[in-house]
C-alpha atoms as a PDB file:
ATOM      1  CA  MET A   1      -3.063 -21.329 -13.506  1.00  0.00           C
ATOM      2  CA  LYS A   2      -6.266 -21.551 -11.817  1.00  0.00           C
ATOM      3  CA  GLN A   3      -4.950 -19.331  -9.133  1.00  0.00           C
ATOM      4  CA  ARG A   4      -4.078 -16.556 -11.420  1.00  0.00           C
ATOM      5  CA  ILE A   5      -7.387 -16.599 -13.302  1.00  0.00           C
ATOM      6  CA  LEU A   6      -9.138 -16.176 -10.110  1.00  0.00           C
ATOM      7  CA  LYS A   7      -6.808 -13.427  -8.799  1.00  0.00           C
ATOM      8  CA  ASN A   8      -7.628 -11.664 -12.342  1.00  0.00           C
ATOM      9  CA  GLU A   9     -11.362 -12.029 -12.011  1.00  0.00           C
ATOM     10  CA  LEU A  10     -11.145 -10.634  -8.288  1.00  0.00           C
ATOM     11  CA  ARG A  11      -9.153  -8.074  -9.108  1.00  0.00           C
ATOM     12  CA  LYS A  12     -11.508  -6.703 -12.044  1.00  0.00           C
ATOM     13  CA  LYS A  13     -14.448  -6.946  -9.819  1.00  0.00           C
ATOM     14  CA  ILE A  14     -13.033  -4.906  -7.065  1.00  0.00           C
ATOM     15  CA  ILE A  15     -11.400  -2.340  -9.172  1.00  0.00           C
ATOM     16  CA  LYS A  16     -14.858  -2.020 -10.807  1.00  0.00           C
ATOM     17  CA  LYS A  17     -16.427  -1.383  -7.487  1.00  0.00           C
ATOM     18  CA  ARG A  18     -13.761   1.045  -6.191  1.00  0.00           C
ATOM     19  CA  GLU A  19     -14.090   3.090  -9.454  1.00  0.00           C
ATOM     20  CA  SER A  20     -17.705   3.220  -8.964  1.00  0.00           C
ATOM     21  CA  LEU A  21     -17.767   4.734  -5.582  1.00  0.00           C
ATOM     22  CA  LEU A  22     -19.228   8.402  -5.674  1.00  0.00           C
ATOM     23  CA  LYS A  23     -16.849  11.158  -5.220  1.00  0.00           C
ATOM     24  CA  GLU A  24     -18.106  12.117  -1.659  1.00  0.00           C
ATOM     25  CA  ASP A  25     -18.216   8.448  -0.433  1.00  0.00           C
ATOM     26  CA  TRP A  26     -14.740   7.939  -1.718  1.00  0.00           C
ATOM     27  CA  GLU A  27     -13.643  10.958   0.421  1.00  0.00           C
ATOM     28  CA  GLU A  28     -15.437  10.149   3.329  1.00  0.00           C
ATOM     29  CA  LYS A  29     -13.867   6.538   3.222  1.00  0.00           C
ATOM     30  CA  ASN A  30     -10.451   8.380   2.647  1.00  0.00           C
ATOM     31  CA  ARG A  31     -10.955  10.714   5.935  1.00  0.00           C
ATOM     32  CA  LYS A  32     -11.697   7.472   8.010  1.00  0.00           C
ATOM     33  CA  ILE A  33      -8.839   5.278   6.921  1.00  0.00           C
ATOM     34  CA  CYS A  34      -6.408   8.595   7.392  1.00  0.00           C
ATOM     35  CA  LYS A  35      -7.890   8.929  10.738  1.00  0.00           C
ATOM     36  CA  ASN A  36      -7.609   5.066  11.720  1.00  0.00           C
ATOM     37  CA  LEU A  37      -4.131   5.234  10.436  1.00  0.00           C
ATOM     38  CA  HIS A  38      -3.134   8.417  12.245  1.00  0.00           C
ATOM     39  CA  GLN A  39      -4.159   6.709  15.593  1.00  0.00           C
ATOM     40  CA  TYR A  40      -2.464   3.497  15.171  1.00  0.00           C
ATOM     41  CA  PHE A  41       0.563   2.902  17.157  1.00  0.00           C
ATOM     42  CA  LEU A  42       2.627   1.640  14.385  1.00  0.00           C
ATOM     43  CA  PHE A  43       2.058   4.779  12.495  1.00  0.00           C
ATOM     44  CA  LYS A  44       2.484   7.140  15.444  1.00  0.00           C
ATOM     45  CA  GLU A  45       5.842   5.456  16.326  1.00  0.00           C
ATOM     46  CA  ALA A  46       7.376   5.332  12.965  1.00  0.00           C
ATOM     47  CA  LYS A  47       9.995   7.901  11.767  1.00  0.00           C
ATOM     48  CA  THR A  48      10.431   6.784   8.197  1.00  0.00           C
ATOM     49  CA  ILE A  49       7.307   5.463   6.393  1.00  0.00           C
ATOM     50  CA  LEU A  50       7.110   4.122   2.749  1.00  0.00           C
ATOM     51  CA  ALA A  51       3.934   4.845   1.017  1.00  0.00           C
ATOM     52  CA  TYR A  52       2.169   5.313  -2.231  1.00  0.00           C
ATOM     53  CA  PHE A  53       0.504   7.941  -4.231  1.00  0.00           C
ATOM     54  CA  PRO A  54      -3.075   6.537  -5.256  1.00  0.00           C
ATOM     55  CA  ILE A  55      -4.438   5.512  -8.658  1.00  0.00           C
ATOM     56  CA  ARG A  56      -7.607   4.032 -10.109  1.00  0.00           C
ATOM     57  CA  GLN A  57      -9.595   5.467  -6.880  1.00  0.00           C
ATOM     58  CA  GLU A  58      -7.307   3.620  -4.419  1.00  0.00           C
ATOM     59  CA  PRO A  59      -7.592   4.985  -0.794  1.00  0.00           C
ATOM     60  CA  ASP A  60      -6.067   8.235  -0.684  1.00  0.00           C
ATOM     61  CA  ILE A  61      -3.881   8.697   2.277  1.00  0.00           C
ATOM     62  CA  THR A  62      -2.148  12.046   1.022  1.00  0.00           C
ATOM     63  CA  SER A  63      -3.598  14.094   3.803  1.00  0.00           C
ATOM     64  CA  LEU A  64      -1.023  12.125   6.313  1.00  0.00           C
ATOM     65  CA  PHE A  65       1.907  13.320   4.277  1.00  0.00           C
ATOM     66  CA  SER A  66       3.194  15.925   6.631  1.00  0.00           C
ATOM     67  CA  THR A  67       6.794  16.698   7.813  1.00  0.00           C
ATOM     68  CA  GLU A  68       5.947  14.833  11.219  1.00  0.00           C
ATOM     69  CA  HIS A  69       7.596  11.750   9.406  1.00  0.00           C
ATOM     70  CA  ASN A  70      10.285  11.010   6.695  1.00  0.00           C
ATOM     71  CA  TRP A  71       8.472   9.785   3.572  1.00  0.00           C
ATOM     72  CA  GLY A  72       9.472   7.371   1.074  1.00  0.00           C
ATOM     73  CA  PHE A  73       7.966   6.703  -2.450  1.00  0.00           C
ATOM     74  CA  SER A  74       8.955   3.999  -4.982  1.00  0.00           C
ATOM     75  CA  ARG A  75       9.984   4.240  -8.521  1.00  0.00           C
ATOM     76  CA  CYS A  76       9.495   1.153 -10.660  1.00  0.00           C
ATOM     77  CA  VAL A  77      12.852   0.484 -12.077  1.00  0.00           C
ATOM     78  CA  GLY A  78      12.946  -2.999 -14.022  1.00  0.00           C
ATOM     79  CA  LYS A  79      11.007  -5.472 -11.995  1.00  0.00           C
ATOM     80  CA  SER A  80      11.945  -3.818  -8.558  1.00  0.00           C
ATOM     81  CA  LEU A  81      10.869  -0.859  -6.433  1.00  0.00           C
ATOM     82  CA  ILE A  82      13.508   1.691  -5.472  1.00  0.00           C
ATOM     83  CA  TRP A  83      12.683   3.897  -2.628  1.00  0.00           C
ATOM     84  CA  HIS A  84      13.469   7.554  -2.602  1.00  0.00           C
ATOM     85  CA  SER A  85      12.863  10.165   0.218  1.00  0.00           C
ATOM     86  CA  TRP A  86      10.144  12.601  -0.316  1.00  0.00           C
ATOM     87  CA  GLN A  87       8.686  15.625   1.689  1.00  0.00           C
ATOM     88  CA  PRO A  88       5.567  17.600   0.910  1.00  0.00           C
ATOM     89  CA  ASN A  89       6.414  20.365  -1.706  1.00  0.00           C
ATOM     90  CA  ASP A  90       9.136  18.140  -3.263  1.00  0.00           C
ATOM     91  CA  PRO A  91       8.689  17.741  -7.041  1.00  0.00           C
ATOM     92  CA  LEU A  92       7.043  14.622  -8.460  1.00  0.00           C
ATOM     93  CA  ILE A  93       7.163  13.237 -12.025  1.00  0.00           C
ATOM     94  CA  THR A  94       4.728  10.605 -13.462  1.00  0.00           C
ATOM     95  CA  GLY A  95       6.217   7.092 -13.753  1.00  0.00           C
ATOM     96  CA  LYS A  96       5.851   4.209 -16.197  1.00  0.00           C
ATOM     97  CA  TYR A  97       2.680   2.975 -14.874  1.00  0.00           C
ATOM     98  CA  GLY A  98       0.964   6.428 -14.541  1.00  0.00           C
ATOM     99  CA  ILE A  99       1.830   6.779 -10.951  1.00  0.00           C
ATOM    100  CA  LEU A 100       3.597   9.861  -9.330  1.00  0.00           C
ATOM    101  CA  GLU A 101       7.144   9.322  -8.047  1.00  0.00           C
ATOM    102  CA  PRO A 102       9.937  11.178  -6.648  1.00  0.00           C
ATOM    103  CA  SER A 103      12.702  12.537  -9.062  1.00  0.00           C
ATOM    104  CA  PRO A 104      15.394   9.717  -9.653  1.00  0.00           C
ATOM    105  CA  ASN A 105      17.618  12.523  -8.084  1.00  0.00           C
ATOM    106  CA  ALA A 106      16.019  12.168  -4.565  1.00  0.00           C
ATOM    107  CA  PRO A 107      17.965  10.567  -1.694  1.00  0.00           C
ATOM    108  CA  ILE A 108      17.474   6.730  -1.844  1.00  0.00           C
ATOM    109  CA  ILE A 109      16.010   5.218   1.316  1.00  0.00           C
ATOM    110  CA  THR A 110      17.246   1.608   2.404  1.00  0.00           C
ATOM    111  CA  ALA A 111      15.723  -0.945   4.530  1.00  0.00           C
ATOM    112  CA  GLU A 112      17.672  -0.337   7.467  1.00  0.00           C
ATOM    113  CA  THR A 113      16.094   3.047   8.155  1.00  0.00           C
ATOM    114  CA  VAL A 114      12.379   2.066   7.296  1.00  0.00           C
ATOM    115  CA  ASP A 115       9.930   1.562  10.148  1.00  0.00           C
ATOM    116  CA  LEU A 116       6.725   1.091   8.612  1.00  0.00           C
ATOM    117  CA  ILE A 117       5.496   0.299   4.748  1.00  0.00           C
ATOM    118  CA  LEU A 118       1.742   1.498   3.857  1.00  0.00           C
ATOM    119  CA  VAL A 119       0.892  -1.119   1.017  1.00  0.00           C
ATOM    120  CA  PRO A 120      -1.508  -0.444  -1.530  1.00  0.00           C
ATOM    121  CA  ALA A 121      -3.684  -3.452  -2.454  1.00  0.00           C
ATOM    122  CA  VAL A 122      -6.683  -4.177  -4.469  1.00  0.00           C
ATOM    123  CA  ALA A 123      -8.001  -6.754  -1.702  1.00  0.00           C
ATOM    124  CA  CYS A 124      -6.751  -8.131   1.421  1.00  0.00           C
ATOM    125  CA  ASP A 125      -8.243 -11.199   3.399  1.00  0.00           C
ATOM    126  CA  TYR A 126      -8.204 -11.551   7.359  1.00  0.00           C
ATOM    127  CA  LYS A 127      -5.269 -13.969   7.402  1.00  0.00           C
ATOM    128  CA  GLY A 128      -3.335 -10.838   6.046  1.00  0.00           C
ATOM    129  CA  TYR A 129      -2.877 -11.917   2.382  1.00  0.00           C
ATOM    130  CA  ARG A 130      -3.224  -8.914  -0.196  1.00  0.00           C
ATOM    131  CA  LEU A 131      -4.062  -8.963  -3.834  1.00  0.00           C
ATOM    132  CA  GLY A 132      -1.997  -6.260  -5.792  1.00  0.00           C
ATOM    133  CA  TYR A 133      -2.020  -5.492  -9.609  1.00  0.00           C
ATOM    134  CA  GLY A 134      -0.430  -8.464 -10.869  1.00  0.00           C
ATOM    135  CA  GLY A 135       3.068  -6.979 -11.191  1.00  0.00           C
ATOM    136  CA  GLY A 136       4.737  -8.561  -8.246  1.00  0.00           C
ATOM    137  CA  PHE A 137       6.660  -5.649  -7.139  1.00  0.00           C
ATOM    138  CA  TYR A 138       5.794  -5.595  -3.422  1.00  0.00           C
ATOM    139  CA  ASP A 139       5.799  -9.559  -3.554  1.00  0.00           C
ATOM    140  CA  ARG A 140       9.567  -9.283  -4.657  1.00  0.00           C
ATOM    141  CA  LEU A 141       9.932  -6.523  -2.256  1.00  0.00           C
ATOM    142  CA  LEU A 142       8.331  -8.303   0.743  1.00  0.00           C
ATOM    143  CA  ASN A 143      10.139 -11.511   0.050  1.00  0.00           C
ATOM    144  CA  SER A 144      13.615  -9.831   0.154  1.00  0.00           C
ATOM    145  CA  PRO A 145      15.411 -10.506   3.577  1.00  0.00           C
ATOM    146  CA  GLN A 146      16.262  -6.937   4.147  1.00  0.00           C
ATOM    147  CA  TRP A 147      12.628  -5.710   3.881  1.00  0.00           C
ATOM    148  CA  SER A 148      10.785  -8.594   5.168  1.00  0.00           C
ATOM    149  CA  SER A 149      10.883  -7.797   8.870  1.00  0.00           C
ATOM    150  CA  ILE A 150       9.583  -4.297   8.415  1.00  0.00           C
ATOM    151  CA  PRO A 151       5.801  -3.912   9.570  1.00  0.00           C
ATOM    152  CA  THR A 152       3.307  -3.680   6.626  1.00  0.00           C
ATOM    153  CA  ILE A 153      -0.045  -2.323   6.605  1.00  0.00           C
ATOM    154  CA  GLY A 154      -2.374  -2.928   3.683  1.00  0.00           C
ATOM    155  CA  ILE A 155      -4.632  -0.010   3.055  1.00  0.00           C
ATOM    156  CA  ILE A 156      -7.955  -0.867   1.331  1.00  0.00           C
ATOM    157  CA  PHE A 157     -11.731   0.034   1.482  1.00  0.00           C
ATOM    158  CA  GLU A 158     -13.867  -2.468   3.749  1.00  0.00           C
ATOM    159  CA  PHE A 159     -15.748  -4.011   0.882  1.00  0.00           C
ATOM    160  CA  ALA A 160     -12.127  -5.421  -0.258  1.00  0.00           C
ATOM    161  CA  LEU A 161     -11.543  -7.024   3.009  1.00  0.00           C
ATOM    162  CA  LEU A 162     -12.299 -10.652   2.109  1.00  0.00           C
ATOM    163  CA  SER A 163     -12.378 -13.753   4.182  1.00  0.00           C
ATOM    164  CA  GLN A 164     -10.053 -15.723   1.904  1.00  0.00           C
ATOM    165  CA  LEU A 165      -7.814 -14.873  -1.198  1.00  0.00           C
ATOM    166  CA  PRO A 166      -6.243 -17.369  -3.648  1.00  0.00           C
ATOM    167  CA  CYS A 167      -2.779 -17.405  -2.280  1.00  0.00           C
ATOM    168  CA  GLU A 168       0.776 -18.371  -3.987  1.00  0.00           C
ATOM    169  CA  LEU A 169       3.768 -19.667  -2.070  1.00  0.00           C
ATOM    170  CA  TRP A 170       5.594 -16.315  -2.305  1.00  0.00           C
ATOM    171  CA  ASP A 171       2.732 -14.193  -0.858  1.00  0.00           C
ATOM    172  CA  GLN A 172       3.813 -12.737   2.255  1.00  0.00           C
ATOM    173  CA  LYS A 173       1.295 -11.673   5.009  1.00  0.00           C
ATOM    174  CA  LEU A 174       0.687  -7.902   6.038  1.00  0.00           C
ATOM    175  CA  LYS A 175       1.346  -6.921   9.559  1.00  0.00           C
ATOM    176  CA  ALA A 176      -2.121  -5.091   9.620  1.00  0.00           C
ATOM    177  CA  ILE A 177      -4.834  -4.078   7.300  1.00  0.00           C
ATOM    178  CA  CYS A 178      -6.515  -0.666   7.629  1.00  0.00           C
ATOM    179  CA  THR A 179     -10.000   0.097   6.253  1.00  0.00           C
ATOM    180  CA  GLU A 180     -12.409   2.965   6.923  1.00  0.00           C
ATOM    181  CA  ASP A 181     -13.920   0.811   9.628  1.00  0.00           C
ATOM    182  CA  LYS A 182     -11.057  -0.740  11.654  1.00  0.00           C
ATOM    183  CA  ILE A 183      -7.517  -1.648  11.700  1.00  0.00           C
ATOM    184  CA  LEU A 184      -7.033  -5.284  11.650  1.00  0.00           C
ATOM    185  CA  SER A 185      -3.815  -6.486  13.291  1.00  0.00           C
ATOM    186  CA  ILE A 186      -2.565  -9.664  11.831  1.00  0.00           C
ATOM    187  CA  TYR A 187      -1.045 -12.412  14.337  1.00  0.00           C
ATOM    188  CA  THR A 188       1.041 -14.911  12.805  1.00  0.00           C
END
């Protein structure tokens, strides 16, 4: 219970800081994050990448969404994420959490075709643990055997990279963390 309270307080603090960024600062940080990702070997080598559409002033990586890669985006169905294929100019709908998502009719993507997952986060730590929004969607995904071996990169602003986060037994380490200042590879 104490971990949950700590996580909730930390989540509120980081989201408040993120939402207080001036538009031009936020845009500059986004440009740098995209540049770092575009140059990173895991991104360059990937053919099929799972990503996210930003909410609540998360890092915006939409400038990377080109036809160079096959893209996948999730739909929240019950307590799970279902991944669908998406390319620029394909239609999007607003899902139950206010997040843009592909049409339920878009082709489904399975784990064996995915090379990289770009994971949204509120915060990450230097060990590779992430703090999400508390719904457990990515925790469940990354703990399932078919998805657990796919490389993951947490996408955050530098101020959300912390020395240590409160962790639970089910928390999975990311393979890397990308901020506007650097990409940190996590070695386990």
